[in-house]
N, C-alpha and C. Protein backbone atom coordinates (compact mmCIF):
# COMPACT_ATOMS: atom_id res chain seq x y z
N MET A 1 -28.87 -1.01 -35.91
CA MET A 1 -30.06 -1.61 -36.44
C MET A 1 -31.28 -0.82 -35.95
N PRO A 2 -32.16 -0.36 -36.85
CA PRO A 2 -33.31 0.44 -36.40
C PRO A 2 -34.28 -0.42 -35.58
N GLU A 3 -34.82 0.22 -34.57
CA GLU A 3 -35.77 -0.49 -33.71
C GLU A 3 -37.10 -0.65 -34.44
N GLU A 4 -37.63 -1.82 -34.38
CA GLU A 4 -38.89 -2.11 -35.05
C GLU A 4 -40.05 -1.58 -34.21
N ARG A 5 -40.89 -0.76 -34.82
CA ARG A 5 -42.03 -0.18 -34.10
C ARG A 5 -43.23 -1.11 -34.24
N ARG A 6 -43.91 -1.31 -33.14
CA ARG A 6 -45.11 -2.13 -33.15
C ARG A 6 -46.33 -1.23 -33.24
N ARG A 7 -47.32 -1.70 -33.92
CA ARG A 7 -48.56 -0.94 -34.02
C ARG A 7 -49.39 -1.15 -32.77
N SER A 8 -49.95 -0.05 -32.26
CA SER A 8 -50.74 -0.14 -31.03
C SER A 8 -52.18 -0.53 -31.32
N GLY A 9 -52.66 -0.28 -32.51
CA GLY A 9 -54.05 -0.56 -32.85
C GLY A 9 -55.01 0.50 -32.35
N ALA A 10 -54.50 1.61 -31.82
CA ALA A 10 -55.36 2.65 -31.26
C ALA A 10 -56.20 3.33 -32.32
N ALA A 11 -55.64 3.60 -33.48
CA ALA A 11 -56.40 4.27 -34.55
C ALA A 11 -57.51 3.36 -35.06
N THR A 12 -57.20 2.09 -35.26
CA THR A 12 -58.22 1.13 -35.72
C THR A 12 -59.32 1.00 -34.68
N TYR A 13 -58.93 0.93 -33.43
CA TYR A 13 -59.90 0.83 -32.34
C TYR A 13 -60.80 2.07 -32.28
N ALA A 14 -60.18 3.24 -32.32
CA ALA A 14 -60.94 4.49 -32.19
C ALA A 14 -61.87 4.70 -33.38
N PHE A 15 -61.36 4.61 -34.59
CA PHE A 15 -62.19 4.90 -35.75
C PHE A 15 -63.20 3.79 -36.04
N GLY A 16 -62.80 2.54 -35.88
CA GLY A 16 -63.74 1.44 -36.12
C GLY A 16 -64.88 1.42 -35.13
N SER A 17 -64.54 1.57 -33.85
CA SER A 17 -65.60 1.56 -32.84
C SER A 17 -66.43 2.83 -32.92
N LEU A 18 -65.83 3.96 -33.27
CA LEU A 18 -66.58 5.21 -33.39
C LEU A 18 -67.62 5.12 -34.50
N LEU A 19 -67.22 4.64 -35.64
CA LEU A 19 -68.15 4.51 -36.76
C LEU A 19 -69.28 3.54 -36.42
N THR A 20 -68.94 2.39 -35.89
CA THR A 20 -69.93 1.37 -35.58
C THR A 20 -70.87 1.82 -34.47
N ILE A 21 -70.33 2.39 -33.42
CA ILE A 21 -71.16 2.76 -32.28
C ILE A 21 -72.06 3.95 -32.61
N THR A 22 -71.61 4.90 -33.41
CA THR A 22 -72.49 6.01 -33.75
C THR A 22 -73.66 5.56 -34.60
N VAL A 23 -73.42 4.68 -35.55
CA VAL A 23 -74.52 4.17 -36.38
C VAL A 23 -75.49 3.35 -35.52
N LEU A 24 -74.97 2.47 -34.68
CA LEU A 24 -75.85 1.66 -33.83
C LEU A 24 -76.58 2.50 -32.79
N SER A 25 -75.96 3.55 -32.29
CA SER A 25 -76.64 4.42 -31.33
C SER A 25 -77.85 5.09 -31.98
N ALA A 26 -77.69 5.55 -33.21
CA ALA A 26 -78.82 6.16 -33.92
C ALA A 26 -79.94 5.15 -34.14
N VAL A 27 -79.58 3.95 -34.57
CA VAL A 27 -80.59 2.91 -34.82
C VAL A 27 -81.29 2.51 -33.53
N LEU A 28 -80.54 2.30 -32.46
CA LEU A 28 -81.15 1.88 -31.19
C LEU A 28 -82.03 2.97 -30.59
N ALA A 29 -81.64 4.23 -30.75
CA ALA A 29 -82.47 5.32 -30.23
C ALA A 29 -83.81 5.37 -30.95
N PHE A 30 -83.80 5.20 -32.27
CA PHE A 30 -85.04 5.22 -33.04
C PHE A 30 -85.85 3.95 -32.80
N ALA A 31 -85.19 2.81 -32.75
CA ALA A 31 -85.89 1.52 -32.60
C ALA A 31 -86.60 1.39 -31.27
N GLY A 32 -86.14 2.08 -30.24
CA GLY A 32 -86.80 2.02 -28.95
C GLY A 32 -88.23 2.52 -28.98
N PHE A 33 -88.55 3.35 -29.97
CA PHE A 33 -89.91 3.90 -30.08
C PHE A 33 -90.87 2.97 -30.81
N LEU A 34 -90.38 1.96 -31.47
CA LEU A 34 -91.22 1.14 -32.33
C LEU A 34 -92.15 0.20 -31.57
N PHE A 35 -91.84 -0.08 -30.32
CA PHE A 35 -92.67 -0.98 -29.53
C PHE A 35 -92.65 -0.52 -28.08
N MET A 36 -93.78 -0.34 -27.49
CA MET A 36 -93.96 0.04 -26.09
C MET A 36 -93.13 1.25 -25.66
N PRO A 37 -93.23 2.38 -26.37
CA PRO A 37 -92.51 3.56 -25.90
C PRO A 37 -93.19 4.11 -24.66
N PRO A 38 -92.56 4.71 -23.75
CA PRO A 38 -91.13 5.00 -23.60
C PRO A 38 -90.37 3.92 -22.85
N TYR A 39 -91.03 2.82 -22.52
CA TYR A 39 -90.38 1.79 -21.70
C TYR A 39 -89.25 1.11 -22.45
N LEU A 40 -89.46 0.81 -23.72
CA LEU A 40 -88.39 0.21 -24.51
C LEU A 40 -87.30 1.24 -24.80
N VAL A 41 -87.65 2.51 -24.87
CA VAL A 41 -86.64 3.57 -25.04
C VAL A 41 -85.72 3.57 -23.81
N PHE A 42 -86.31 3.48 -22.64
CA PHE A 42 -85.51 3.45 -21.41
C PHE A 42 -84.63 2.20 -21.37
N ALA A 43 -85.20 1.05 -21.76
CA ALA A 43 -84.42 -0.18 -21.80
C ALA A 43 -83.29 -0.08 -22.82
N SER A 44 -83.57 0.55 -23.93
CA SER A 44 -82.55 0.74 -24.96
C SER A 44 -81.43 1.63 -24.45
N ALA A 45 -81.79 2.70 -23.75
CA ALA A 45 -80.79 3.64 -23.25
C ALA A 45 -79.93 3.06 -22.14
N ALA A 46 -80.56 2.31 -21.23
CA ALA A 46 -79.86 1.86 -20.02
C ALA A 46 -79.32 0.44 -20.10
N VAL A 47 -79.85 -0.39 -21.02
CA VAL A 47 -79.43 -1.79 -21.05
C VAL A 47 -78.92 -2.22 -22.42
N VAL A 48 -79.74 -2.07 -23.45
CA VAL A 48 -79.40 -2.61 -24.77
C VAL A 48 -78.19 -1.90 -25.38
N ALA A 49 -78.23 -0.57 -25.46
CA ALA A 49 -77.11 0.16 -26.07
C ALA A 49 -75.80 -0.04 -25.32
N PRO A 50 -75.79 0.04 -23.96
CA PRO A 50 -74.51 -0.22 -23.28
C PRO A 50 -74.00 -1.65 -23.49
N PHE A 51 -74.92 -2.62 -23.51
CA PHE A 51 -74.51 -4.01 -23.74
C PHE A 51 -73.89 -4.17 -25.13
N VAL A 52 -74.52 -3.58 -26.14
CA VAL A 52 -73.98 -3.64 -27.50
C VAL A 52 -72.64 -2.92 -27.56
N ASN A 53 -72.53 -1.76 -26.88
CA ASN A 53 -71.27 -1.03 -26.87
C ASN A 53 -70.15 -1.84 -26.24
N VAL A 54 -70.44 -2.50 -25.12
CA VAL A 54 -69.41 -3.32 -24.46
C VAL A 54 -68.96 -4.44 -25.38
N LEU A 55 -69.90 -5.09 -26.07
CA LEU A 55 -69.53 -6.16 -27.01
C LEU A 55 -68.67 -5.62 -28.15
N LEU A 56 -69.04 -4.46 -28.67
CA LEU A 56 -68.25 -3.88 -29.77
C LEU A 56 -66.87 -3.45 -29.30
N PHE A 57 -66.79 -2.85 -28.11
CA PHE A 57 -65.48 -2.48 -27.59
C PHE A 57 -64.62 -3.71 -27.37
N ALA A 58 -65.22 -4.79 -26.89
CA ALA A 58 -64.46 -6.03 -26.70
C ALA A 58 -63.95 -6.56 -28.03
N LEU A 59 -64.79 -6.48 -29.05
CA LEU A 59 -64.40 -6.95 -30.37
C LEU A 59 -63.26 -6.10 -30.94
N PHE A 60 -63.41 -4.79 -30.86
CA PHE A 60 -62.38 -3.91 -31.42
C PHE A 60 -61.11 -3.85 -30.58
N SER A 61 -61.18 -4.18 -29.29
CA SER A 61 -59.99 -4.07 -28.44
C SER A 61 -59.11 -5.30 -28.48
N ARG A 62 -59.46 -6.31 -29.26
CA ARG A 62 -58.63 -7.51 -29.32
C ARG A 62 -57.22 -7.20 -29.79
N ASN A 63 -57.07 -6.26 -30.71
CA ASN A 63 -55.75 -5.93 -31.23
C ASN A 63 -55.21 -4.62 -30.67
N LEU A 64 -55.80 -4.14 -29.59
CA LEU A 64 -55.39 -2.88 -28.98
C LEU A 64 -54.26 -3.15 -28.00
N LEU A 65 -53.10 -2.57 -28.27
CA LEU A 65 -51.94 -2.75 -27.41
C LEU A 65 -51.46 -1.39 -26.92
N VAL A 66 -52.16 -0.88 -25.92
CA VAL A 66 -51.80 0.39 -25.30
C VAL A 66 -51.91 0.23 -23.79
N GLY A 67 -51.49 1.23 -23.07
CA GLY A 67 -51.64 1.20 -21.62
C GLY A 67 -53.11 1.31 -21.23
N ALA A 68 -53.41 0.96 -20.01
CA ALA A 68 -54.79 0.99 -19.53
C ALA A 68 -55.38 2.39 -19.59
N ALA A 69 -54.60 3.40 -19.24
CA ALA A 69 -55.12 4.77 -19.24
C ALA A 69 -55.50 5.22 -20.65
N VAL A 70 -54.66 4.93 -21.62
CA VAL A 70 -54.95 5.31 -23.01
C VAL A 70 -56.18 4.56 -23.51
N GLY A 71 -56.29 3.29 -23.20
CA GLY A 71 -57.46 2.51 -23.60
C GLY A 71 -58.74 3.05 -23.00
N ARG A 72 -58.68 3.44 -21.76
CA ARG A 72 -59.87 4.00 -21.09
C ARG A 72 -60.24 5.37 -21.66
N ILE A 73 -59.25 6.18 -21.97
CA ILE A 73 -59.53 7.49 -22.56
C ILE A 73 -60.15 7.33 -23.94
N LEU A 74 -59.61 6.44 -24.76
CA LEU A 74 -60.19 6.18 -26.08
C LEU A 74 -61.63 5.68 -25.95
N THR A 75 -61.85 4.76 -25.02
CA THR A 75 -63.19 4.22 -24.80
C THR A 75 -64.14 5.31 -24.33
N PHE A 76 -63.68 6.18 -23.43
CA PHE A 76 -64.50 7.29 -22.96
C PHE A 76 -64.89 8.21 -24.10
N LEU A 77 -63.93 8.58 -24.95
CA LEU A 77 -64.22 9.50 -26.05
C LEU A 77 -65.22 8.91 -27.04
N VAL A 78 -65.00 7.66 -27.41
CA VAL A 78 -65.93 7.01 -28.34
C VAL A 78 -67.31 6.84 -27.70
N SER A 79 -67.36 6.47 -26.43
CA SER A 79 -68.63 6.33 -25.72
C SER A 79 -69.37 7.66 -25.63
N ALA A 80 -68.63 8.73 -25.37
CA ALA A 80 -69.25 10.05 -25.26
C ALA A 80 -69.86 10.48 -26.59
N VAL A 81 -69.16 10.23 -27.69
CA VAL A 81 -69.72 10.56 -29.00
C VAL A 81 -70.94 9.68 -29.28
N GLY A 82 -70.86 8.40 -28.93
CA GLY A 82 -71.99 7.49 -29.15
C GLY A 82 -73.22 7.89 -28.36
N VAL A 83 -73.06 8.28 -27.10
CA VAL A 83 -74.21 8.69 -26.30
C VAL A 83 -74.75 10.02 -26.79
N TYR A 84 -73.91 10.89 -27.31
CA TYR A 84 -74.39 12.16 -27.86
C TYR A 84 -75.25 11.91 -29.10
N VAL A 85 -74.80 11.01 -29.97
CA VAL A 85 -75.60 10.64 -31.14
C VAL A 85 -76.90 9.99 -30.70
N TYR A 86 -76.84 9.15 -29.66
CA TYR A 86 -78.04 8.51 -29.14
C TYR A 86 -79.04 9.56 -28.67
N LEU A 87 -78.57 10.55 -27.91
CA LEU A 87 -79.46 11.59 -27.40
C LEU A 87 -80.02 12.46 -28.54
N CYS A 88 -79.20 12.74 -29.55
CA CYS A 88 -79.69 13.51 -30.70
C CYS A 88 -80.81 12.77 -31.41
N PHE A 89 -80.65 11.48 -31.63
CA PHE A 89 -81.70 10.72 -32.30
C PHE A 89 -82.90 10.47 -31.39
N LEU A 90 -82.66 10.35 -30.11
CA LEU A 90 -83.76 10.22 -29.16
C LEU A 90 -84.67 11.44 -29.24
N MET A 91 -84.08 12.61 -29.09
CA MET A 91 -84.88 13.84 -29.11
C MET A 91 -85.33 14.17 -30.53
N GLY A 92 -84.57 13.78 -31.54
CA GLY A 92 -85.01 13.96 -32.92
C GLY A 92 -86.26 13.15 -33.21
N THR A 93 -86.34 11.96 -32.64
CA THR A 93 -87.54 11.13 -32.80
C THR A 93 -88.71 11.73 -32.05
N VAL A 94 -88.47 12.18 -30.84
CA VAL A 94 -89.55 12.77 -30.04
C VAL A 94 -90.12 13.99 -30.77
N SER A 95 -89.25 14.88 -31.23
CA SER A 95 -89.75 16.09 -31.88
C SER A 95 -90.25 15.83 -33.30
N GLY A 96 -89.64 14.88 -34.01
CA GLY A 96 -90.04 14.58 -35.38
C GLY A 96 -91.36 13.84 -35.48
N VAL A 97 -91.65 12.99 -34.51
CA VAL A 97 -92.88 12.19 -34.54
C VAL A 97 -93.99 12.87 -33.76
N TYR A 98 -93.68 13.35 -32.57
CA TYR A 98 -94.72 13.86 -31.68
C TYR A 98 -94.89 15.36 -31.71
N GLY A 99 -93.95 16.08 -32.29
CA GLY A 99 -94.07 17.53 -32.37
C GLY A 99 -93.53 18.22 -31.13
N PRO A 100 -93.79 19.53 -31.04
CA PRO A 100 -93.19 20.32 -29.96
C PRO A 100 -93.96 20.28 -28.64
N ASP A 101 -95.10 19.66 -28.61
CA ASP A 101 -95.93 19.68 -27.40
C ASP A 101 -95.35 18.79 -26.30
N ALA A 102 -95.83 19.00 -25.09
CA ALA A 102 -95.44 18.14 -23.97
C ALA A 102 -95.87 16.72 -24.27
N LEU A 103 -95.05 15.77 -23.89
CA LEU A 103 -95.28 14.38 -24.27
C LEU A 103 -95.27 13.50 -23.03
N TYR A 104 -96.32 12.73 -22.88
CA TYR A 104 -96.46 11.82 -21.75
C TYR A 104 -96.53 10.39 -22.28
N ALA A 105 -96.23 9.43 -21.43
CA ALA A 105 -96.18 8.03 -21.83
C ALA A 105 -97.50 7.56 -22.44
N GLU A 106 -98.61 7.98 -21.86
CA GLU A 106 -99.91 7.51 -22.38
C GLU A 106 -100.19 8.07 -23.77
N ASP A 107 -99.65 9.24 -24.12
CA ASP A 107 -99.84 9.80 -25.46
C ASP A 107 -99.11 8.99 -26.52
N MET A 108 -98.04 8.34 -26.13
CA MET A 108 -97.22 7.61 -27.09
C MET A 108 -97.87 6.31 -27.54
N GLN A 109 -98.84 5.82 -26.82
CA GLN A 109 -99.46 4.54 -27.15
C GLN A 109 -100.34 4.61 -28.41
N TYR A 110 -100.67 5.82 -28.86
CA TYR A 110 -101.57 5.97 -30.01
C TYR A 110 -100.83 5.97 -31.35
N PHE A 111 -99.51 5.96 -31.33
CA PHE A 111 -98.74 5.98 -32.57
C PHE A 111 -98.31 4.57 -32.93
N GLU A 112 -98.31 4.28 -34.23
CA GLU A 112 -97.94 2.94 -34.70
C GLU A 112 -96.79 3.03 -35.69
N LEU A 113 -96.28 1.89 -36.08
CA LEU A 113 -95.09 1.78 -36.92
C LEU A 113 -95.16 2.64 -38.19
N PRO A 114 -96.25 2.64 -38.96
CA PRO A 114 -96.26 3.46 -40.18
C PRO A 114 -96.03 4.95 -39.91
N GLU A 115 -96.50 5.43 -38.78
CA GLU A 115 -96.30 6.85 -38.45
C GLU A 115 -94.83 7.15 -38.16
N TYR A 116 -94.14 6.20 -37.55
CA TYR A 116 -92.71 6.38 -37.29
C TYR A 116 -91.91 6.34 -38.59
N ILE A 117 -92.26 5.42 -39.48
CA ILE A 117 -91.56 5.31 -40.76
C ILE A 117 -91.81 6.57 -41.59
N GLU A 118 -93.01 7.05 -41.58
CA GLU A 118 -93.36 8.26 -42.33
C GLU A 118 -92.61 9.48 -41.80
N ALA A 119 -92.36 9.52 -40.53
CA ALA A 119 -91.69 10.67 -39.90
C ALA A 119 -90.16 10.55 -39.93
N LEU A 120 -89.61 9.49 -40.51
CA LEU A 120 -88.16 9.27 -40.50
C LEU A 120 -87.35 10.43 -41.08
N PRO A 121 -87.75 11.05 -42.20
CA PRO A 121 -86.97 12.21 -42.68
C PRO A 121 -86.93 13.36 -41.66
N ALA A 122 -88.06 13.61 -41.00
CA ALA A 122 -88.08 14.66 -39.98
C ALA A 122 -87.21 14.27 -38.78
N VAL A 123 -87.22 13.00 -38.43
CA VAL A 123 -86.40 12.52 -37.31
C VAL A 123 -84.92 12.75 -37.60
N VAL A 124 -84.48 12.36 -38.79
CA VAL A 124 -83.07 12.53 -39.16
C VAL A 124 -82.71 14.01 -39.23
N GLY A 125 -83.58 14.81 -39.80
CA GLY A 125 -83.34 16.26 -39.87
C GLY A 125 -83.24 16.89 -38.50
N ASN A 126 -84.16 16.52 -37.61
CA ASN A 126 -84.11 17.06 -36.25
C ASN A 126 -82.87 16.58 -35.49
N ALA A 127 -82.51 15.31 -35.69
CA ALA A 127 -81.32 14.77 -35.02
C ALA A 127 -80.06 15.51 -35.48
N LEU A 128 -79.97 15.80 -36.76
CA LEU A 128 -78.82 16.56 -37.26
C LEU A 128 -78.82 17.99 -36.72
N ALA A 129 -80.00 18.58 -36.61
CA ALA A 129 -80.09 19.93 -36.04
C ALA A 129 -79.64 19.90 -34.57
N TYR A 130 -80.05 18.89 -33.83
CA TYR A 130 -79.61 18.77 -32.44
C TYR A 130 -78.11 18.53 -32.35
N ALA A 131 -77.57 17.76 -33.29
CA ALA A 131 -76.13 17.46 -33.26
C ALA A 131 -75.30 18.73 -33.38
N PHE A 132 -75.79 19.69 -34.15
CA PHE A 132 -75.03 20.93 -34.34
C PHE A 132 -75.45 22.03 -33.36
N SER A 133 -76.38 21.71 -32.47
CA SER A 133 -76.81 22.68 -31.47
C SER A 133 -76.99 21.99 -30.12
N PRO A 134 -75.89 21.68 -29.42
CA PRO A 134 -75.99 20.95 -28.16
C PRO A 134 -76.80 21.69 -27.09
N GLY A 135 -76.74 23.00 -27.09
CA GLY A 135 -77.53 23.76 -26.11
C GLY A 135 -79.01 23.54 -26.31
N HIS A 136 -79.43 23.53 -27.56
CA HIS A 136 -80.84 23.29 -27.88
C HIS A 136 -81.23 21.86 -27.51
N LEU A 137 -80.34 20.91 -27.73
CA LEU A 137 -80.61 19.51 -27.38
C LEU A 137 -80.89 19.37 -25.89
N PHE A 138 -80.00 19.87 -25.05
CA PHE A 138 -80.17 19.71 -23.61
C PHE A 138 -81.32 20.56 -23.07
N GLN A 139 -81.59 21.68 -23.71
CA GLN A 139 -82.75 22.49 -23.33
C GLN A 139 -84.04 21.72 -23.60
N ASP A 140 -84.11 21.04 -24.75
CA ASP A 140 -85.31 20.27 -25.08
C ASP A 140 -85.46 19.04 -24.19
N ILE A 141 -84.36 18.42 -23.82
CA ILE A 141 -84.44 17.26 -22.92
C ILE A 141 -85.05 17.69 -21.59
N ILE A 142 -84.61 18.81 -21.09
CA ILE A 142 -85.11 19.30 -19.80
C ILE A 142 -86.54 19.80 -19.91
N ALA A 143 -86.88 20.45 -21.03
CA ALA A 143 -88.18 21.09 -21.16
C ALA A 143 -89.32 20.14 -21.52
N ARG A 144 -89.02 18.93 -21.96
CA ARG A 144 -90.07 18.01 -22.41
C ARG A 144 -90.90 17.48 -21.27
N GLY A 145 -92.21 17.67 -21.34
CA GLY A 145 -93.22 17.07 -20.48
C GLY A 145 -92.77 16.60 -19.11
N ASP A 146 -93.27 15.43 -18.73
CA ASP A 146 -92.87 14.87 -17.45
C ASP A 146 -91.38 14.51 -17.52
N ALA A 147 -90.80 14.24 -16.41
CA ALA A 147 -89.34 14.12 -16.30
C ALA A 147 -88.77 12.86 -16.94
N VAL A 148 -89.57 12.09 -17.65
CA VAL A 148 -89.07 10.83 -18.19
C VAL A 148 -87.91 11.03 -19.17
N TRP A 149 -87.91 12.09 -19.97
CA TRP A 149 -86.84 12.27 -20.96
C TRP A 149 -85.53 12.64 -20.30
N GLY A 150 -85.60 13.40 -19.22
CA GLY A 150 -84.38 13.70 -18.46
C GLY A 150 -83.80 12.45 -17.82
N HIS A 151 -84.68 11.58 -17.32
CA HIS A 151 -84.22 10.33 -16.72
C HIS A 151 -83.62 9.40 -17.77
N ILE A 152 -84.26 9.33 -18.93
CA ILE A 152 -83.74 8.49 -20.00
C ILE A 152 -82.38 9.01 -20.46
N ALA A 153 -82.26 10.33 -20.61
CA ALA A 153 -80.98 10.91 -21.02
C ALA A 153 -79.89 10.65 -19.98
N ALA A 154 -80.23 10.78 -18.71
CA ALA A 154 -79.24 10.53 -17.65
C ALA A 154 -78.84 9.05 -17.62
N ALA A 155 -79.83 8.17 -17.79
CA ALA A 155 -79.53 6.73 -17.83
C ALA A 155 -78.62 6.40 -19.00
N ALA A 156 -78.91 6.98 -20.16
CA ALA A 156 -78.07 6.74 -21.33
C ALA A 156 -76.66 7.26 -21.10
N LEU A 157 -76.57 8.44 -20.54
CA LEU A 157 -75.27 9.05 -20.31
C LEU A 157 -74.40 8.22 -19.37
N PHE A 158 -74.96 7.84 -18.23
CA PHE A 158 -74.17 7.10 -17.25
C PHE A 158 -73.92 5.65 -17.68
N ALA A 159 -74.92 5.00 -18.25
CA ALA A 159 -74.75 3.59 -18.63
C ALA A 159 -73.85 3.43 -19.84
N GLN A 160 -74.05 4.28 -20.86
CA GLN A 160 -73.30 4.10 -22.09
C GLN A 160 -71.86 4.58 -21.99
N ILE A 161 -71.57 5.46 -21.03
CA ILE A 161 -70.18 5.86 -20.81
C ILE A 161 -69.56 5.02 -19.70
N GLY A 162 -70.32 4.73 -18.65
CA GLY A 162 -69.77 4.03 -17.48
C GLY A 162 -69.54 2.55 -17.67
N LEU A 163 -70.50 1.84 -18.24
CA LEU A 163 -70.36 0.38 -18.37
C LEU A 163 -69.20 -0.05 -19.25
N PRO A 164 -68.96 0.58 -20.39
CA PRO A 164 -67.77 0.18 -21.15
C PRO A 164 -66.47 0.39 -20.38
N GLN A 165 -66.43 1.40 -19.50
CA GLN A 165 -65.22 1.62 -18.70
C GLN A 165 -64.99 0.46 -17.73
N VAL A 166 -66.07 -0.11 -17.23
CA VAL A 166 -65.95 -1.21 -16.28
C VAL A 166 -65.47 -2.48 -16.97
N PHE A 167 -65.97 -2.73 -18.17
CA PHE A 167 -65.71 -4.01 -18.83
C PHE A 167 -64.60 -4.00 -19.86
N ILE A 168 -64.00 -2.85 -20.14
CA ILE A 168 -62.94 -2.80 -21.14
C ILE A 168 -61.69 -3.48 -20.59
N LYS A 169 -61.08 -4.29 -21.41
CA LYS A 169 -59.83 -4.96 -21.04
C LYS A 169 -58.78 -4.56 -22.07
N VAL A 170 -57.74 -3.94 -21.60
CA VAL A 170 -56.67 -3.49 -22.48
C VAL A 170 -55.41 -4.25 -22.13
N ARG A 171 -54.79 -4.82 -23.16
CA ARG A 171 -53.53 -5.54 -22.95
C ARG A 171 -52.38 -4.56 -23.08
N LYS A 172 -51.41 -4.72 -22.22
CA LYS A 172 -50.22 -3.87 -22.31
C LYS A 172 -49.36 -4.35 -23.47
N PRO A 173 -48.70 -3.40 -24.12
CA PRO A 173 -47.78 -3.83 -25.18
C PRO A 173 -46.60 -4.58 -24.58
N PRO A 174 -46.04 -5.53 -25.31
CA PRO A 174 -44.88 -6.25 -24.77
C PRO A 174 -43.69 -5.30 -24.60
N GLU A 175 -42.93 -5.56 -23.57
CA GLU A 175 -41.74 -4.74 -23.31
C GLU A 175 -40.71 -5.00 -24.40
N PRO A 176 -39.99 -3.96 -24.81
CA PRO A 176 -38.94 -4.19 -25.83
C PRO A 176 -37.83 -5.06 -25.25
N GLU A 177 -37.27 -5.87 -26.10
CA GLU A 177 -36.20 -6.75 -25.66
C GLU A 177 -34.91 -5.98 -25.44
N THR A 178 -34.22 -6.37 -24.40
CA THR A 178 -32.91 -5.78 -24.14
C THR A 178 -31.86 -6.49 -25.01
N PRO A 179 -30.72 -5.88 -25.19
CA PRO A 179 -29.67 -6.54 -26.01
C PRO A 179 -29.27 -7.90 -25.43
N ALA A 180 -29.32 -8.06 -24.11
CA ALA A 180 -28.96 -9.35 -23.50
C ALA A 180 -30.00 -10.41 -23.86
N GLN A 181 -31.28 -10.04 -23.91
CA GLN A 181 -32.32 -11.01 -24.29
C GLN A 181 -32.20 -11.41 -25.75
N VAL A 182 -31.85 -10.46 -26.60
CA VAL A 182 -31.67 -10.75 -28.02
C VAL A 182 -30.49 -11.70 -28.21
N LYS A 183 -29.43 -11.50 -27.43
CA LYS A 183 -28.23 -12.31 -27.55
C LYS A 183 -28.51 -13.76 -27.14
N LYS A 184 -29.42 -13.98 -26.16
CA LYS A 184 -29.74 -15.32 -25.70
C LYS A 184 -30.49 -16.13 -26.74
N ARG A 185 -31.16 -15.47 -27.64
CA ARG A 185 -31.95 -16.20 -28.64
C ARG A 185 -31.09 -16.86 -29.63
C-alpha cells in the first residue's frame, strides 16, 4: 500500500507571506513619510512593520507542518526580502521626494501630502532602480545627510528579520504510524 504523503504547507507559507509582506513593506515604507517624518518612518521600520510581519507570519504558519529549522529558514528568507523591499521604498521615497541633497529632519517638515502623492511615480521608479542595484542602495543609505537613515535602515533590518524569528511558532508534522499502530485501530 503506498504511503500517503502529507502536505507541509511550506510553499503556501513562503509564497503567500512573501507576496503579502513585500506589498505591505512598500506601503509602510512610503506611509511613514506622510505624517511627522522621519519619526514615523523610524516607528514604521522598528515597530509597525515588524508587528505586521509577525501577525502575517502567524496567520500563514497555521497550516505549516515542518521542522523548526525549516520554518525559521523560510521566515528568515521572507523577512529578508521584505526588509529589502522596505529599504528600497524608503530610499526611493527619500530620493524621489527630496532629491539628491543631504536631508535633515527639520527639512522634512516643509513637505505635505500632495507633494508625496505627486512624487509617487518617481518614488516607485527609484525604488525599482534600488531593487536592481543593491550596492547603490546601501551607498545612498550611508551617504545621506545626518546618520538618521543609517539608523532607520539598521532598525528595520534587525527588527523586521529578528522579531519574526522570536515569535514564529512552527508545529512539527505528526510522526508516521507504525504498522503496529495501524493494526490497533
